[in-house]
Amino acid sequence: MTGRGFATGVEDAAVLAQMLADRRANEPVSAALARYEVARLPFVRALVTHSRRISADYLRYAQAQR
Protein backbone atom coordinates (compact mmCIF):
# COMPACT_ATOMS: atom_id res chain seq x y z
CA MET A 1 0.00 0.00 0.00
CA THR A 2 2.98 2.29 -0.31
CA GLY A 3 3.09 2.55 -4.09
CA ARG A 4 6.69 1.33 -4.07
CA GLY A 5 6.23 -2.06 -5.71
CA PHE A 6 7.76 -1.31 -9.09
CA ALA A 7 10.57 0.85 -7.72
CA THR A 8 11.44 -1.74 -5.08
CA GLY A 9 11.50 -4.46 -7.72
CA VAL A 10 13.91 -2.44 -9.85
CA GLU A 11 16.13 -1.74 -6.83
CA ASP A 12 16.09 -5.43 -5.89
CA ALA A 13 17.09 -6.42 -9.42
CA ALA A 14 19.94 -3.89 -9.49
CA VAL A 15 21.31 -4.96 -6.11
CA LEU A 16 21.03 -8.65 -7.00
CA ALA A 17 22.77 -8.10 -10.35
CA GLN A 18 25.61 -6.27 -8.58
CA MET A 19 25.98 -9.00 -5.95
CA LEU A 20 26.18 -11.65 -8.67
CA ALA A 21 28.61 -9.57 -10.76
CA ASP A 22 30.89 -9.05 -7.75
CA ARG A 23 31.04 -12.77 -7.02
CA ARG A 24 34.58 -14.10 -6.72
CA ALA A 25 35.79 -16.98 -8.87
CA ASN A 26 34.49 -20.33 -7.63
CA GLU A 27 32.27 -18.61 -5.06
CA PRO A 28 28.87 -20.29 -4.87
CA VAL A 29 25.83 -18.33 -5.99
CA SER A 30 24.39 -18.97 -2.53
CA ALA A 31 27.05 -16.66 -1.03
CA ALA A 32 25.99 -13.81 -3.31
CA LEU A 33 22.35 -14.48 -2.45
CA ALA A 34 23.18 -14.35 1.25
CA ARG A 35 24.87 -10.94 0.78
CA TYR A 36 21.84 -9.76 -1.18
CA GLU A 37 19.55 -10.76 1.68
CA VAL A 38 21.72 -8.97 4.24
CA ALA A 39 21.76 -5.85 2.07
CA ARG A 40 18.03 -5.69 1.32
CA LEU A 41 16.33 -7.15 4.38
CA PRO A 42 16.49 -4.04 6.63
CA PHE A 43 14.93 -1.87 3.90
CA VAL A 44 12.24 -4.43 3.09
CA ARG A 45 11.34 -4.89 6.75
CA ALA A 46 11.02 -1.13 7.19
CA LEU A 47 8.87 -0.92 4.06
CA VAL A 48 6.54 -3.66 5.32
CA THR A 49 6.22 -1.94 8.70
CA HIS A 50 5.44 1.38 7.00
CA SER A 51 2.89 -0.26 4.73
CA ARG A 52 1.14 -1.88 7.69
CA ARG A 53 0.92 1.49 9.44
CA ILE A 54 -0.52 3.15 6.35
CA SER A 55 -3.07 0.34 5.98
CA ALA A 56 -4.13 0.59 9.62
CA ASP A 57 -4.46 4.37 9.37
CA TYR A 58 -6.49 4.05 6.19
CA LEU A 59 -8.86 1.54 7.80
CA ARG A 60 -9.37 3.80 10.81
CA TYR A 61 -10.03 6.79 8.55
CA ALA A 62 -12.41 4.82 6.33
CA GLN A 63 -14.39 3.55 9.31
CA ALA A 64 -14.64 7.07 10.75
CA GLN A 65 -16.10 8.32 7.46
CA ARG A 66 -19.01 5.86 7.52
PDB file of N, CA and C in Angstrom:
ATOM      1  N   MET A   1       0.811  -1.191   0.000  1.00  0.00           N
ATOM      2  CA  MET A   1       0.000   0.000   0.000  1.00  0.00           C
ATOM      3  C   MET A   1       0.859   1.261   0.000  1.00  0.00           C
ATOM      4  N   THR A   2       2.124   1.112  -0.303  1.00  0.00           N
ATOM      5  CA  THR A   2       2.985   2.293  -0.307  1.00  0.00           C
ATOM      6  C   THR A   2       3.225   2.840  -1.702  1.00  0.00           C
ATOM      7  N   GLY A   3       2.821   2.114  -2.731  1.00  0.00           N
ATOM      8  CA  GLY A   3       3.087   2.547  -4.090  1.00  0.00           C
ATOM      9  C   GLY A   3       4.536   2.371  -4.505  1.00  0.00           C
ATOM     10  N   ARG A   4       5.257   1.520  -3.807  1.00  0.00           N
ATOM     11  CA  ARG A   4       6.686   1.333  -4.069  1.00  0.00           C
ATOM     12  C   ARG A   4       6.999   0.006  -4.743  1.00  0.00           C
ATOM     13  N   GLY A   5       5.989  -0.722  -5.166  1.00  0.00           N
ATOM     14  CA  GLY A   5       6.225  -2.058  -5.711  1.00  0.00           C
ATOM     15  C   GLY A   5       7.184  -2.098  -6.884  1.00  0.00           C
ATOM     16  N   PHE A   6       6.906  -1.299  -7.906  1.00  0.00           N
ATOM     17  CA  PHE A   6       7.760  -1.306  -9.094  1.00  0.00           C
ATOM     18  C   PHE A   6       9.168  -0.827  -8.763  1.00  0.00           C
ATOM     19  N   ALA A   7       9.259   0.289  -8.054  1.00  0.00           N
ATOM     20  CA  ALA A   7      10.573   0.853  -7.719  1.00  0.00           C
ATOM     21  C   ALA A   7      11.390  -0.116  -6.870  1.00  0.00           C
ATOM     22  N   THR A   8      10.735  -0.772  -5.925  1.00  0.00           N
ATOM     23  CA  THR A   8      11.438  -1.737  -5.076  1.00  0.00           C
ATOM     24  C   THR A   8      11.921  -2.921  -5.904  1.00  0.00           C
ATOM     25  N   GLY A   9      11.098  -3.364  -6.841  1.00  0.00           N
ATOM     26  CA  GLY A   9      11.502  -4.463  -7.720  1.00  0.00           C
ATOM     27  C   GLY A   9      12.726  -4.113  -8.550  1.00  0.00           C
ATOM     28  N   VAL A  10      12.756  -2.891  -9.066  1.00  0.00           N
ATOM     29  CA  VAL A  10      13.909  -2.438  -9.851  1.00  0.00           C
ATOM     30  C   VAL A  10      15.151  -2.358  -8.960  1.00  0.00           C
ATOM     31  N   GLU A  11      14.997  -1.817  -7.760  1.00  0.00           N
ATOM     32  CA  GLU A  11      16.132  -1.744  -6.830  1.00  0.00           C
ATOM     33  C   GLU A  11      16.631  -3.141  -6.473  1.00  0.00           C
ATOM     34  N   ASP A  12      15.703  -4.052  -6.204  1.00  0.00           N
ATOM     35  CA  ASP A  12      16.086  -5.430  -5.887  1.00  0.00           C
ATOM     36  C   ASP A  12      16.888  -6.047  -7.029  1.00  0.00           C
ATOM     37  N   ALA A  13      16.406  -5.854  -8.260  1.00  0.00           N
ATOM     38  CA  ALA A  13      17.094  -6.419  -9.422  1.00  0.00           C
ATOM     39  C   ALA A  13      18.497  -5.835  -9.571  1.00  0.00           C
ATOM     40  N   ALA A  14      18.630  -4.536  -9.365  1.00  0.00           N
ATOM     41  CA  ALA A  14      19.942  -3.890  -9.492  1.00  0.00           C
ATOM     42  C   ALA A  14      20.912  -4.389  -8.430  1.00  0.00           C
ATOM     43  N   VAL A  15      20.439  -4.491  -7.199  1.00  0.00           N
ATOM     44  CA  VAL A  15      21.309  -4.965  -6.111  1.00  0.00           C
ATOM     45  C   VAL A  15      21.695  -6.420  -6.348  1.00  0.00           C
ATOM     46  N   LEU A  16      20.743  -7.247  -6.747  1.00  0.00           N
ATOM     47  CA  LEU A  16      21.033  -8.654  -7.004  1.00  0.00           C
ATOM     48  C   LEU A  16      22.027  -8.803  -8.150  1.00  0.00           C
ATOM     49  N   ALA A  17      21.835  -8.040  -9.215  1.00  0.00           N
ATOM     50  CA  ALA A  17      22.772  -8.095 -10.346  1.00  0.00           C
ATOM     51  C   ALA A  17      24.181  -7.713  -9.899  1.00  0.00           C
ATOM     52  N   GLN A  18      24.291  -6.694  -9.063  1.00  0.00           N
ATOM     53  CA  GLN A  18      25.609  -6.268  -8.580  1.00  0.00           C
ATOM     54  C   GLN A  18      26.243  -7.342  -7.701  1.00  0.00           C
ATOM     55  N   MET A  19      25.443  -7.944  -6.818  1.00  0.00           N
ATOM     56  CA  MET A  19      25.978  -8.996  -5.947  1.00  0.00           C
ATOM     57  C   MET A  19      26.490 -10.174  -6.774  1.00  0.00           C
ATOM     58  N   LEU A  20      25.753 -10.534  -7.820  1.00  0.00           N
ATOM     59  CA  LEU A  20      26.180 -11.648  -8.669  1.00  0.00           C
ATOM     60  C   LEU A  20      27.410 -11.267  -9.491  1.00  0.00           C
ATOM     61  N   ALA A  21      27.458 -10.029  -9.971  1.00  0.00           N
ATOM     62  CA  ALA A  21      28.609  -9.575 -10.758  1.00  0.00           C
ATOM     63  C   ALA A  21      29.880  -9.503  -9.911  1.00  0.00           C
ATOM     64  N   ASP A  22      29.738  -9.185  -8.641  1.00  0.00           N
ATOM     65  CA  ASP A  22      30.893  -9.053  -7.746  1.00  0.00           C
ATOM     66  C   ASP A  22      31.372 -10.387  -7.180  1.00  0.00           C
ATOM     67  N   ARG A  23      30.691 -11.448  -7.537  1.00  0.00           N
ATOM     68  CA  ARG A  23      31.038 -12.767  -7.016  1.00  0.00           C
ATOM     69  C   ARG A  23      32.467 -13.143  -7.410  1.00  0.00           C
ATOM     70  N   ARG A  24      33.207 -13.667  -6.454  1.00  0.00           N
ATOM     71  CA  ARG A  24      34.579 -14.097  -6.716  1.00  0.00           C
ATOM     72  C   ARG A  24      34.567 -15.421  -7.481  1.00  0.00           C
ATOM     73  N   ALA A  25      35.671 -15.717  -8.137  1.00  0.00           N
ATOM     74  CA  ALA A  25      35.788 -16.977  -8.875  1.00  0.00           C
ATOM     75  C   ALA A  25      35.555 -18.150  -7.931  1.00  0.00           C
ATOM     76  N   ASN A  26      34.803 -19.096  -8.382  1.00  0.00           N
ATOM     77  CA  ASN A  26      34.486 -20.325  -7.632  1.00  0.00           C
ATOM     78  C   ASN A  26      33.630 -20.083  -6.397  1.00  0.00           C
ATOM     79  N   GLU A  27      33.159 -18.867  -6.199  1.00  0.00           N
ATOM     80  CA  GLU A  27      32.270 -18.609  -5.061  1.00  0.00           C
ATOM     81  C   GLU A  27      30.869 -19.094  -5.432  1.00  0.00           C
ATOM     82  N   PRO A  28      30.215 -19.814  -4.543  1.00  0.00           N
ATOM     83  CA  PRO A  28      28.869 -20.289  -4.873  1.00  0.00           C
ATOM     84  C   PRO A  28      27.871 -19.132  -4.977  1.00  0.00           C
ATOM     85  N   VAL A  29      26.895 -19.326  -5.829  1.00  0.00           N
ATOM     86  CA  VAL A  29      25.834 -18.327  -5.988  1.00  0.00           C
ATOM     87  C   VAL A  29      25.148 -18.079  -4.647  1.00  0.00           C
ATOM     88  N   SER A  30      25.056 -19.113  -3.827  1.00  0.00           N
ATOM     89  CA  SER A  30      24.387 -18.966  -2.530  1.00  0.00           C
ATOM     90  C   SER A  30      25.055 -17.900  -1.662  1.00  0.00           C
ATOM     91  N   ALA A  31      26.359 -17.704  -1.802  1.00  0.00           N
ATOM     92  CA  ALA A  31      27.052 -16.664  -1.029  1.00  0.00           C
ATOM     93  C   ALA A  31      26.611 -15.277  -1.486  1.00  0.00           C
ATOM     94  N   ALA A  32      26.471 -15.090  -2.792  1.00  0.00           N
ATOM     95  CA  ALA A  32      25.988 -13.806  -3.314  1.00  0.00           C
ATOM     96  C   ALA A  32      24.547 -13.568  -2.884  1.00  0.00           C
ATOM     97  N   LEU A  33      23.746 -14.612  -2.887  1.00  0.00           N
ATOM     98  CA  LEU A  33      22.351 -14.477  -2.454  1.00  0.00           C
ATOM     99  C   LEU A  33      22.266 -14.122  -0.973  1.00  0.00           C
ATOM    100  N   ALA A  34      23.160 -14.676  -0.180  1.00  0.00           N
ATOM    101  CA  ALA A  34      23.182 -14.348   1.253  1.00  0.00           C
ATOM    102  C   ALA A  34      23.546 -12.879   1.457  1.00  0.00           C
ATOM    103  N   ARG A  35      24.509 -12.366   0.695  1.00  0.00           N
ATOM    104  CA  ARG A  35      24.870 -10.944   0.785  1.00  0.00           C
ATOM    105  C   ARG A  35      23.709 -10.057   0.336  1.00  0.00           C
ATOM    106  N   TYR A  36      23.014 -10.490  -0.694  1.00  0.00           N
ATOM    107  CA  TYR A  36      21.836  -9.756  -1.177  1.00  0.00           C
ATOM    108  C   TYR A  36      20.787  -9.650  -0.068  1.00  0.00           C
ATOM    109  N   GLU A  37      20.537 -10.758   0.600  1.00  0.00           N
ATOM    110  CA  GLU A  37      19.547 -10.760   1.683  1.00  0.00           C
ATOM    111  C   GLU A  37      19.961  -9.818   2.812  1.00  0.00           C
ATOM    112  N   VAL A  38      21.216  -9.859   3.186  1.00  0.00           N
ATOM    113  CA  VAL A  38      21.718  -8.970   4.243  1.00  0.00           C
ATOM    114  C   VAL A  38      21.567  -7.509   3.821  1.00  0.00           C
ATOM    115  N   ALA A  39      21.833  -7.228   2.563  1.00  0.00           N
ATOM    116  CA  ALA A  39      21.764  -5.849   2.071  1.00  0.00           C
ATOM    117  C   ALA A  39      20.331  -5.330   1.997  1.00  0.00           C
ATOM    118  N   ARG A  40      19.397  -6.160   1.588  1.00  0.00           N
ATOM    119  CA  ARG A  40      18.034  -5.693   1.318  1.00  0.00           C
ATOM    120  C   ARG A  40      17.063  -5.870   2.478  1.00  0.00           C
ATOM    121  N   LEU A  41      17.306  -6.821   3.342  1.00  0.00           N
ATOM    122  CA  LEU A  41      16.330  -7.149   4.385  1.00  0.00           C
ATOM    123  C   LEU A  41      15.962  -5.978   5.288  1.00  0.00           C
ATOM    124  N   PRO A  42      16.894  -5.168   5.773  1.00  0.00           N
ATOM    125  CA  PRO A  42      16.487  -4.041   6.627  1.00  0.00           C
ATOM    126  C   PRO A  42      15.534  -3.080   5.919  1.00  0.00           C
ATOM    127  N   PHE A  43      15.810  -2.768   4.661  1.00  0.00           N
ATOM    128  CA  PHE A  43      14.933  -1.874   3.900  1.00  0.00           C
ATOM    129  C   PHE A  43      13.551  -2.493   3.714  1.00  0.00           C
ATOM    130  N   VAL A  44      13.519  -3.758   3.346  1.00  0.00           N
ATOM    131  CA  VAL A  44      12.243  -4.428   3.090  1.00  0.00           C
ATOM    132  C   VAL A  44      11.423  -4.527   4.374  1.00  0.00           C
ATOM    133  N   ARG A  45      12.067  -4.837   5.476  1.00  0.00           N
ATOM    134  CA  ARG A  45      11.342  -4.892   6.754  1.00  0.00           C
ATOM    135  C   ARG A  45      10.752  -3.530   7.106  1.00  0.00           C
ATOM    136  N   ALA A  46      11.525  -2.479   6.911  1.00  0.00           N
ATOM    137  CA  ALA A  46      11.020  -1.125   7.186  1.00  0.00           C
ATOM    138  C   ALA A  46       9.862  -0.783   6.262  1.00  0.00           C
ATOM    139  N   LEU A  47       9.944  -1.186   5.010  1.00  0.00           N
ATOM    140  CA  LEU A  47       8.871  -0.924   4.056  1.00  0.00           C
ATOM    141  C   LEU A  47       7.590  -1.656   4.454  1.00  0.00           C
ATOM    142  N   VAL A  48       7.714  -2.893   4.877  1.00  0.00           N
ATOM    143  CA  VAL A  48       6.543  -3.662   5.319  1.00  0.00           C
ATOM    144  C   VAL A  48       5.916  -3.013   6.547  1.00  0.00           C
ATOM    145  N   THR A  49       6.737  -2.610   7.497  1.00  0.00           N
ATOM    146  CA  THR A  49       6.224  -1.942   8.697  1.00  0.00           C
ATOM    147  C   THR A  49       5.489  -0.663   8.330  1.00  0.00           C
ATOM    148  N   HIS A  50       6.071   0.125   7.449  1.00  0.00           N
ATOM    149  CA  HIS A  50       5.443   1.376   7.004  1.00  0.00           C
ATOM    150  C   HIS A  50       4.115   1.093   6.298  1.00  0.00           C
ATOM    151  N   SER A  51       4.105   0.094   5.453  1.00  0.00           N
ATOM    152  CA  SER A  51       2.889  -0.265   4.728  1.00  0.00           C
ATOM    153  C   SER A  51       1.780  -0.700   5.684  1.00  0.00           C
ATOM    154  N   ARG A  52       2.144  -1.457   6.701  1.00  0.00           N
ATOM    155  CA  ARG A  52       1.135  -1.883   7.687  1.00  0.00           C
ATOM    156  C   ARG A  52       0.552  -0.686   8.427  1.00  0.00           C
ATOM    157  N   ARG A  53       1.408   0.276   8.762  1.00  0.00           N
ATOM    158  CA  ARG A  53       0.918   1.487   9.441  1.00  0.00           C
ATOM    159  C   ARG A  53      -0.033   2.268   8.543  1.00  0.00           C
ATOM    160  N   ILE A  54       0.342   2.429   7.289  1.00  0.00           N
ATOM    161  CA  ILE A  54      -0.521   3.147   6.352  1.00  0.00           C
ATOM    162  C   ILE A  54      -1.862   2.434   6.220  1.00  0.00           C
ATOM    163  N   SER A  55      -1.833   1.117   6.101  1.00  0.00           N
ATOM    164  CA  SER A  55      -3.072   0.344   5.975  1.00  0.00           C
ATOM    165  C   SER A  55      -3.950   0.509   7.205  1.00  0.00           C
ATOM    166  N   ALA A  56      -3.355   0.437   8.374  1.00  0.00           N
ATOM    167  CA  ALA A  56      -4.126   0.587   9.616  1.00  0.00           C
ATOM    168  C   ALA A  56      -4.725   1.983   9.707  1.00  0.00           C
ATOM    169  N   ASP A  57      -3.944   2.995   9.355  1.00  0.00           N
ATOM    170  CA  ASP A  57      -4.458   4.371   9.370  1.00  0.00           C
ATOM    171  C   ASP A  57      -5.598   4.533   8.382  1.00  0.00           C
ATOM    172  N   TYR A  58      -5.450   3.959   7.209  1.00  0.00           N
ATOM    173  CA  TYR A  58      -6.494   4.050   6.190  1.00  0.00           C
ATOM    174  C   TYR A  58      -7.782   3.401   6.687  1.00  0.00           C
ATOM    175  N   LEU A  59      -7.665   2.230   7.292  1.00  0.00           N
ATOM    176  CA  LEU A  59      -8.858   1.540   7.802  1.00  0.00           C
ATOM    177  C   LEU A  59      -9.550   2.366   8.878  1.00  0.00           C
ATOM    178  N   ARG A  60      -8.775   2.955   9.774  1.00  0.00           N
ATOM    179  CA  ARG A  60      -9.374   3.801  10.812  1.00  0.00           C
ATOM    180  C   ARG A  60     -10.080   5.004  10.191  1.00  0.00           C
ATOM    181  N   TYR A  61      -9.443   5.623   9.217  1.00  0.00           N
ATOM    182  CA  TYR A  61     -10.029   6.786   8.554  1.00  0.00           C
ATOM    183  C   TYR A  61     -11.300   6.391   7.803  1.00  0.00           C
ATOM    184  N   ALA A  62     -11.250   5.273   7.101  1.00  0.00           N
ATOM    185  CA  ALA A  62     -12.408   4.823   6.325  1.00  0.00           C
ATOM    186  C   ALA A  62     -13.584   4.500   7.241  1.00  0.00           C
ATOM    187  N   GLN A  63     -13.312   3.880   8.374  1.00  0.00           N
ATOM    188  CA  GLN A  63     -14.388   3.555   9.312  1.00  0.00           C
ATOM    189  C   GLN A  63     -14.974   4.818   9.920  1.00  0.00           C
ATOM    190  N   ALA A  64     -14.157   5.815  10.163  1.00  0.00           N
ATOM    191  CA  ALA A  64     -14.644   7.069  10.746  1.00  0.00           C
ATOM    192  C   ALA A  64     -15.523   7.829   9.761  1.00  0.00           C
ATOM    193  N   GLN A  65     -15.332   7.610   8.477  1.00  0.00           N
ATOM    194  CA  GLN A  65     -16.097   8.318   7.459  1.00  0.00           C
ATOM    195  C   GLN A  65     -17.464   7.700   7.212  1.00  0.00           C
ATOM    196  N   ARG A  66     -17.720   6.525   7.738  1.00  0.00           N
ATOM    197  CA  ARG A  66     -19.015   5.858   7.521  1.00  0.00           C
ATOM    198  C   ARG A  66     -20.094   6.464   8.335  1.00  0.00           C
TER     199      ARG A  66
END
